[in-house]
């Protein structure tokens, strides 16, 4: 992690294209949202990436359209930031989530880390097999 701590949770290291305002994204399989579901992760730059300057974004695809739910700018300053986003506005919809990262200008050590990105179910009895089985397509 950015602060030098080694975490035992799964993470996605995302590195945008090596060009000005480069991007990288990964799309998850379709998932039906229920009221009270939440998207949770920690966003930060990878340790020893002092020039990291990126924008994290959570998008979703529904009915052929891509929409942005939220975005977070991150620079390398030794900290990480928790994300806890209520997805209730999408309840009843089947969507494909997209994790998107862009360089904020030039790309130099833009090593962006999503730590344990997941959806917390509103109903603890509901199983989320997609967490273990599905990886985003890049």
Protein backbone atom coordinates (compact mmCIF):
# COMPACT_ATOMS: atom_id res chain seq x y z
CA UNK A 1 0.00 0.00 0.00
CA UNK A 2 0.99 3.60 -0.40
CA UNK A 3 1.97 3.93 3.26
CA UNK A 4 4.36 0.95 2.97
CA UNK A 5 2.05 -1.47 4.79
CA UNK A 6 1.65 -4.94 3.27
CA UNK A 7 -2.02 -5.90 3.21
CA UNK A 8 -3.35 -9.48 3.09
CA UNK A 9 -6.61 -8.53 1.34
CA UNK A 10 -6.90 -9.01 -2.44
CA UNK A 11 -6.22 -6.00 -4.59
CA UNK A 12 -6.12 -4.85 -8.19
CA UNK A 13 -3.01 -3.00 -9.32
CA UNK A 14 -4.09 -0.90 -12.29
CA UNK A 15 -1.56 0.93 -14.47
CA UNK A 16 -2.94 3.31 -17.12
CA UNK A 17 -1.45 3.42 -20.62
CA UNK A 18 1.95 5.10 -20.69
CA UNK A 19 0.77 8.30 -22.37
CA UNK A 20 -0.79 11.64 -21.45
CA UNK A 21 -4.16 10.98 -19.77
CA UNK A 22 -3.74 7.22 -20.29
CA UNK A 23 -6.48 4.90 -19.04
CA UNK A 24 -7.15 1.34 -17.94
CA UNK A 25 -10.50 -0.24 -17.14
CA UNK A 26 -11.98 -3.60 -16.29
CA UNK A 27 -15.62 -4.66 -16.53
CA UNK A 28 -17.31 -7.18 -14.25
CA UNK A 29 -20.11 -9.56 -15.30
CA UNK A 30 -23.73 -8.46 -14.91
CA UNK A 31 -24.99 -8.17 -11.34
CA UNK A 32 -28.46 -7.31 -9.99
CA UNK A 33 -28.37 -4.62 -7.30
CA UNK A 34 -30.61 -4.76 -4.24
CA UNK A 35 -31.55 -1.89 -1.93
CA UNK A 36 -28.83 -1.40 0.66
CA UNK A 37 -25.99 -2.88 -1.42
CA UNK A 38 -22.72 -0.96 -1.11
CA UNK A 39 -19.50 -0.77 -3.14
CA UNK A 40 -16.46 -0.80 -0.86
CA UNK A 41 -12.73 -0.52 -1.46
CA UNK A 42 -9.63 1.40 -0.45
CA UNK A 43 -8.01 3.54 -3.16
CA UNK A 44 -4.35 4.49 -3.09
CA UNK A 45 -1.13 4.52 -5.08
CA UNK A 46 1.32 1.64 -4.90
CA UNK A 47 4.20 2.05 -2.46
CA UNK A 48 7.30 3.69 -3.98
CA UNK A 49 5.33 5.39 -6.77
CA UNK A 50 6.06 9.01 -5.77
CA UNK A 51 4.89 10.52 -9.07
CA UNK A 52 1.53 8.73 -9.00
CA UNK A 53 -1.35 11.10 -9.86
CA UNK A 54 -4.55 9.35 -10.97
CA UNK A 55 -8.33 9.47 -10.97
CA UNK A 56 -10.21 6.36 -9.83
CA UNK A 57 -13.74 6.02 -11.19
CA UNK A 58 -16.60 3.58 -10.64
CA UNK A 59 -18.78 3.33 -13.74
CA UNK A 60 -21.60 1.00 -14.66
CA UNK A 61 -23.09 -0.21 -17.93
CA UNK A 62 -26.86 -0.48 -18.18
CA UNK A 63 -28.93 -0.70 -21.35
CA UNK A 64 -25.90 0.00 -23.53
CA UNK A 65 -25.03 3.25 -21.73
CA UNK A 66 -22.04 3.80 -19.45
CA UNK A 67 -22.60 6.11 -16.47
CA UNK A 68 -20.27 7.26 -13.71
CA UNK A 69 -21.29 6.66 -10.10
CA UNK A 70 -18.33 8.35 -8.43
CA UNK A 71 -14.68 9.33 -8.88
CA UNK A 72 -11.73 9.98 -6.57
CA UNK A 73 -8.49 11.80 -7.33
CA UNK A 74 -5.41 10.31 -5.72
CA UNK A 75 -1.81 11.45 -5.49
CA UNK A 76 1.10 9.79 -3.73
CA UNK A 77 1.20 11.33 -0.26
CA UNK A 78 1.48 8.26 1.98
CA UNK A 79 -2.25 7.85 2.66
CA UNK A 80 -5.12 5.67 1.45
CA UNK A 81 -8.80 6.45 1.25
CA UNK A 82 -11.81 4.25 2.09
CA UNK A 83 -14.73 4.18 -0.35
CA UNK A 84 -18.17 3.16 0.92
CA UNK A 85 -20.71 3.95 -1.78
CA UNK A 86 -24.44 3.26 -1.38
CA UNK A 87 -25.79 1.55 -4.53
CA UNK A 88 -29.48 1.78 -3.55
CA UNK A 89 -30.20 4.18 -6.44
CA UNK A 90 -29.56 1.20 -8.76
CA UNK A 91 -31.76 -1.26 -6.82
CA UNK A 92 -33.54 -3.71 -9.12
CA UNK A 93 -31.24 -2.98 -12.06
CA UNK A 94 -28.84 -5.48 -13.56
CA UNK A 95 -25.60 -3.67 -14.33
CA UNK A 96 -22.00 -4.33 -15.24
CA UNK A 97 -19.59 -2.43 -13.02
CA UNK A 98 -16.46 -0.92 -14.55
CA UNK A 99 -13.38 -0.02 -12.53
CA UNK A 100 -11.67 2.81 -14.41
CA UNK A 101 -8.39 4.61 -13.72
CA UNK A 102 -6.90 7.48 -15.69
CA UNK A 103 -3.60 9.31 -15.42
CA UNK A 104 -4.09 12.87 -14.33
CA UNK A 105 -1.95 14.33 -17.12
CA UNK A 106 1.33 12.59 -17.90
CA UNK A 107 1.81 8.95 -16.97
CA UNK A 108 4.81 8.33 -14.73
CA UNK A 109 4.56 5.73 -11.96
CA UNK A 110 0.75 5.89 -12.05
CA UNK A 111 0.41 2.61 -10.18
CA UNK A 112 -3.14 2.75 -8.82
CA UNK A 113 -4.30 0.18 -6.28
CA UNK A 114 -7.91 -0.83 -5.56
CA UNK A 115 -7.72 -2.78 -2.31
CA UNK A 116 -10.44 -5.41 -1.89
CA UNK A 117 -13.04 -3.90 -4.25
CA UNK A 118 -16.36 -5.61 -3.54
CA UNK A 119 -20.08 -5.25 -3.15
CA UNK A 120 -21.42 -5.73 0.35
CA UNK A 121 -24.84 -7.32 0.21
CA UNK A 122 -27.74 -5.72 2.01
CA UNK A 123 -28.94 -9.16 3.08
CA UNK A 124 -26.27 -11.19 4.87
CA UNK A 125 -28.02 -14.41 3.84
CA UNK A 126 -27.47 -13.55 0.17
CA UNK A 127 -24.34 -15.13 -1.19
CA UNK A 128 -22.09 -13.23 -3.56
CA UNK A 129 -20.24 -15.91 -5.53
CA UNK A 130 -19.06 -13.30 -8.04
CA UNK A 131 -16.59 -11.97 -5.48
CA UNK A 132 -14.47 -15.09 -5.60
CA UNK A 133 -15.05 -16.26 -9.17
CA UNK A 134 -15.22 -13.24 -11.45
CA UNK A 135 -12.36 -11.02 -12.39
CA UNK A 136 -12.80 -7.93 -14.54
CA UNK A 137 -12.03 -8.28 -18.20
CA UNK A 138 -9.30 -5.89 -19.27
